[in-house]
N, C-alpha and C. Protein backbone atom coordinates (compact mmCIF):
# COMPACT_ATOMS: atom_id res chain seq x y z
N MET A 1 53.69 79.83 -28.50
CA MET A 1 54.47 79.49 -27.32
C MET A 1 55.23 80.73 -26.85
N ALA A 2 55.04 81.12 -25.62
CA ALA A 2 55.66 82.32 -25.08
C ALA A 2 57.13 82.06 -24.75
N ALA A 3 57.95 83.05 -24.99
CA ALA A 3 59.37 82.93 -24.66
C ALA A 3 59.55 83.03 -23.16
N ARG A 4 60.43 82.20 -22.67
CA ARG A 4 60.72 82.19 -21.25
C ARG A 4 61.79 83.22 -20.93
N LYS A 5 61.58 84.03 -19.93
CA LYS A 5 62.56 85.02 -19.53
C LYS A 5 63.53 84.37 -18.54
N THR A 6 64.81 84.63 -18.75
CA THR A 6 65.82 84.15 -17.82
C THR A 6 66.52 85.35 -17.24
N PRO A 7 66.82 85.29 -15.95
CA PRO A 7 67.50 86.43 -15.35
C PRO A 7 68.88 86.62 -15.97
N ARG A 8 69.23 87.85 -16.25
CA ARG A 8 70.54 88.14 -16.82
C ARG A 8 71.56 88.32 -15.71
N LYS A 9 72.76 87.83 -15.98
CA LYS A 9 73.86 87.97 -15.03
C LYS A 9 74.61 89.26 -15.34
N SER A 10 75.21 89.81 -14.32
CA SER A 10 76.03 90.99 -14.55
C SER A 10 77.28 90.58 -15.32
N ALA A 11 77.93 91.53 -15.95
CA ALA A 11 79.11 91.25 -16.75
C ALA A 11 80.24 90.66 -15.88
N GLU A 12 80.23 90.96 -14.60
CA GLU A 12 81.28 90.50 -13.70
C GLU A 12 81.02 89.09 -13.18
N GLU A 13 79.81 88.59 -13.30
CA GLU A 13 79.44 87.33 -12.70
C GLU A 13 79.59 86.19 -13.71
N PRO A 14 80.55 85.27 -13.46
CA PRO A 14 80.75 84.16 -14.40
C PRO A 14 79.66 83.11 -14.26
N ASP A 15 79.51 82.27 -15.29
CA ASP A 15 78.57 81.16 -15.19
C ASP A 15 79.18 80.08 -14.28
N PHE A 16 78.39 79.05 -14.00
CA PHE A 16 78.82 78.02 -13.05
C PHE A 16 80.14 77.37 -13.45
N GLU A 17 80.23 76.94 -14.71
CA GLU A 17 81.43 76.23 -15.17
C GLU A 17 82.67 77.12 -15.10
N THR A 18 82.53 78.37 -15.48
CA THR A 18 83.66 79.30 -15.44
C THR A 18 84.08 79.57 -14.00
N ALA A 19 83.11 79.76 -13.11
CA ALA A 19 83.41 80.00 -11.70
C ALA A 19 84.11 78.80 -11.08
N LEU A 20 83.64 77.59 -11.40
CA LEU A 20 84.24 76.38 -10.86
C LEU A 20 85.67 76.21 -11.35
N ALA A 21 85.90 76.48 -12.63
CA ALA A 21 87.25 76.36 -13.19
C ALA A 21 88.20 77.36 -12.53
N GLU A 22 87.73 78.59 -12.33
CA GLU A 22 88.56 79.61 -11.68
C GLU A 22 88.85 79.22 -10.23
N LEU A 23 87.85 78.68 -9.56
CA LEU A 23 88.02 78.24 -8.17
C LEU A 23 89.07 77.13 -8.09
N GLU A 24 89.03 76.19 -9.02
CA GLU A 24 90.02 75.11 -9.04
C GLU A 24 91.43 75.66 -9.25
N GLN A 25 91.57 76.66 -10.11
CA GLN A 25 92.87 77.28 -10.35
C GLN A 25 93.39 77.98 -9.10
N LEU A 26 92.48 78.67 -8.39
CA LEU A 26 92.88 79.34 -7.16
C LEU A 26 93.37 78.34 -6.12
N VAL A 27 92.65 77.24 -5.98
CA VAL A 27 93.04 76.22 -5.01
C VAL A 27 94.42 75.66 -5.34
N GLU A 28 94.64 75.35 -6.62
CA GLU A 28 95.95 74.82 -7.03
C GLU A 28 97.07 75.80 -6.70
N ARG A 29 96.84 77.08 -7.02
CA ARG A 29 97.85 78.11 -6.75
C ARG A 29 98.13 78.23 -5.27
N MET A 30 97.08 78.21 -4.46
CA MET A 30 97.27 78.36 -3.02
C MET A 30 97.92 77.13 -2.40
N GLU A 31 97.62 75.95 -2.93
CA GLU A 31 98.21 74.72 -2.40
C GLU A 31 99.72 74.65 -2.63
N LYS A 32 100.20 75.33 -3.64
CA LYS A 32 101.64 75.35 -3.91
C LYS A 32 102.41 76.06 -2.81
N GLY A 33 101.74 76.99 -2.12
CA GLY A 33 102.36 77.68 -1.00
C GLY A 33 103.39 78.71 -1.40
N GLU A 34 103.36 79.18 -2.62
CA GLU A 34 104.36 80.13 -3.11
C GLU A 34 103.86 81.56 -3.14
N LEU A 35 102.63 81.79 -2.74
CA LEU A 35 102.05 83.13 -2.78
C LEU A 35 102.40 83.92 -1.53
N SER A 36 102.45 85.22 -1.69
CA SER A 36 102.64 86.09 -0.53
C SER A 36 101.35 86.07 0.30
N LEU A 37 101.42 86.57 1.50
CA LEU A 37 100.24 86.63 2.36
C LEU A 37 99.14 87.46 1.71
N GLU A 38 99.51 88.60 1.13
CA GLU A 38 98.52 89.46 0.47
C GLU A 38 97.86 88.75 -0.71
N ASP A 39 98.66 88.06 -1.53
CA ASP A 39 98.11 87.34 -2.67
C ASP A 39 97.23 86.18 -2.21
N SER A 40 97.65 85.50 -1.17
CA SER A 40 96.85 84.40 -0.63
C SER A 40 95.50 84.89 -0.12
N LEU A 41 95.52 86.01 0.58
CA LEU A 41 94.28 86.59 1.11
C LEU A 41 93.36 87.03 -0.03
N ARG A 42 93.93 87.66 -1.05
CA ARG A 42 93.14 88.08 -2.21
C ARG A 42 92.51 86.87 -2.90
N ASP A 43 93.31 85.82 -3.10
CA ASP A 43 92.79 84.61 -3.74
C ASP A 43 91.74 83.92 -2.88
N PHE A 44 91.94 83.94 -1.58
CA PHE A 44 90.96 83.34 -0.67
C PHE A 44 89.62 84.09 -0.75
N GLU A 45 89.70 85.42 -0.74
CA GLU A 45 88.47 86.22 -0.85
C GLU A 45 87.75 85.94 -2.16
N ARG A 46 88.50 85.85 -3.26
CA ARG A 46 87.89 85.54 -4.55
C ARG A 46 87.29 84.13 -4.52
N GLY A 47 87.97 83.20 -3.87
CA GLY A 47 87.46 81.84 -3.75
C GLY A 47 86.13 81.79 -3.01
N VAL A 48 85.99 82.60 -1.97
CA VAL A 48 84.73 82.67 -1.23
C VAL A 48 83.62 83.20 -2.14
N GLU A 49 83.91 84.24 -2.92
CA GLU A 49 82.93 84.79 -3.86
C GLU A 49 82.50 83.73 -4.88
N LEU A 50 83.47 83.02 -5.44
CA LEU A 50 83.17 81.99 -6.44
C LEU A 50 82.37 80.84 -5.84
N THR A 51 82.71 80.46 -4.62
CA THR A 51 81.97 79.40 -3.94
C THR A 51 80.52 79.78 -3.76
N ARG A 52 80.27 81.02 -3.37
CA ARG A 52 78.89 81.49 -3.20
C ARG A 52 78.14 81.49 -4.53
N LEU A 53 78.80 81.92 -5.60
CA LEU A 53 78.17 81.90 -6.92
C LEU A 53 77.80 80.48 -7.33
N CYS A 54 78.71 79.55 -7.10
CA CYS A 54 78.45 78.15 -7.45
C CYS A 54 77.30 77.59 -6.61
N GLN A 55 77.29 77.91 -5.32
CA GLN A 55 76.20 77.44 -4.46
C GLN A 55 74.86 77.99 -4.91
N GLN A 56 74.82 79.25 -5.30
CA GLN A 56 73.57 79.86 -5.78
C GLN A 56 73.10 79.18 -7.07
N ALA A 57 74.03 78.90 -7.97
CA ALA A 57 73.68 78.25 -9.23
C ALA A 57 73.14 76.84 -8.99
N LEU A 58 73.77 76.12 -8.07
CA LEU A 58 73.30 74.77 -7.75
C LEU A 58 71.93 74.80 -7.08
N LYS A 59 71.73 75.78 -6.21
CA LYS A 59 70.42 75.92 -5.54
C LYS A 59 69.32 76.22 -6.56
N ALA A 60 69.62 77.09 -7.50
CA ALA A 60 68.64 77.43 -8.53
C ALA A 60 68.32 76.21 -9.39
N ALA A 61 69.34 75.45 -9.75
CA ALA A 61 69.12 74.25 -10.56
C ALA A 61 68.29 73.23 -9.78
N GLU A 62 68.58 73.07 -8.51
CA GLU A 62 67.82 72.13 -7.67
C GLU A 62 66.35 72.54 -7.58
N GLN A 63 66.09 73.83 -7.43
CA GLN A 63 64.72 74.31 -7.35
C GLN A 63 63.97 74.09 -8.66
N LYS A 64 64.64 74.29 -9.78
CA LYS A 64 64.02 74.04 -11.08
C LYS A 64 63.67 72.56 -11.23
N ILE A 65 64.57 71.69 -10.80
CA ILE A 65 64.32 70.25 -10.88
C ILE A 65 63.13 69.88 -10.01
N GLN A 66 63.06 70.45 -8.82
CA GLN A 66 61.93 70.16 -7.93
C GLN A 66 60.62 70.62 -8.55
N ILE A 67 60.62 71.79 -9.17
CA ILE A 67 59.41 72.31 -9.81
C ILE A 67 58.99 71.38 -10.95
N LEU A 68 59.94 71.00 -11.78
CA LEU A 68 59.63 70.12 -12.91
C LEU A 68 59.14 68.75 -12.43
N SER A 69 59.77 68.23 -11.40
CA SER A 69 59.38 66.92 -10.87
C SER A 69 57.99 66.98 -10.25
N LYS A 70 57.69 68.04 -9.55
CA LYS A 70 56.40 68.19 -8.88
C LYS A 70 55.27 68.28 -9.89
N ASP A 71 55.51 68.99 -10.97
CA ASP A 71 54.48 69.18 -11.99
C ASP A 71 54.48 68.07 -13.02
N GLY A 72 55.28 67.06 -12.81
CA GLY A 72 55.35 65.99 -13.79
C GLY A 72 55.97 66.44 -15.09
N GLY A 73 56.72 67.53 -15.05
CA GLY A 73 57.37 68.05 -16.24
C GLY A 73 56.44 68.81 -17.17
N GLU A 74 55.19 68.96 -16.79
CA GLU A 74 54.21 69.62 -17.66
C GLU A 74 54.06 71.11 -17.37
N GLY A 75 54.49 71.56 -16.20
CA GLY A 75 54.30 72.95 -15.81
C GLY A 75 55.30 73.88 -16.46
N GLU A 76 54.92 75.14 -16.52
CA GLU A 76 55.80 76.16 -17.08
C GLU A 76 56.69 76.69 -15.96
N LEU A 77 57.97 76.83 -16.26
CA LEU A 77 58.90 77.37 -15.27
C LEU A 77 58.68 78.86 -15.12
N THR A 78 58.70 79.32 -13.90
CA THR A 78 58.63 80.75 -13.63
C THR A 78 59.83 81.13 -12.79
N PRO A 79 60.43 82.28 -13.05
CA PRO A 79 61.60 82.69 -12.26
C PRO A 79 61.20 82.85 -10.80
N PHE A 80 62.12 82.54 -9.93
CA PHE A 80 61.86 82.72 -8.51
C PHE A 80 62.81 83.79 -7.99
N GLU A 81 62.42 84.42 -6.91
CA GLU A 81 63.24 85.45 -6.30
C GLU A 81 64.12 84.80 -5.24
N ASP A 82 65.42 85.03 -5.34
CA ASP A 82 66.35 84.50 -4.36
C ASP A 82 66.25 85.33 -3.08
N GLU A 83 66.31 84.66 -1.96
CA GLU A 83 66.16 85.34 -0.67
C GLU A 83 67.40 86.11 -0.25
N ASP A 84 68.54 85.84 -0.90
CA ASP A 84 69.80 86.50 -0.52
C ASP A 84 69.84 87.88 -0.98
């Protein structure tokens, strides 16, 4: 049985659960309204980055599910190239 290759993430890129948890923390902090404008803008920019990471992870998971469902679960998964 051949080992399946999975794309490696950069050291800076968190996994889905970590990104979601950080995003929730940012939202809570911003909702308190106690941040300076600069801090709010920095947190907002980070939130946009995390949202994109989460969307990409969900898209990849959805594509894997579609591949497995189409092949009846019998096909071998192959990495796909993201268009972004």
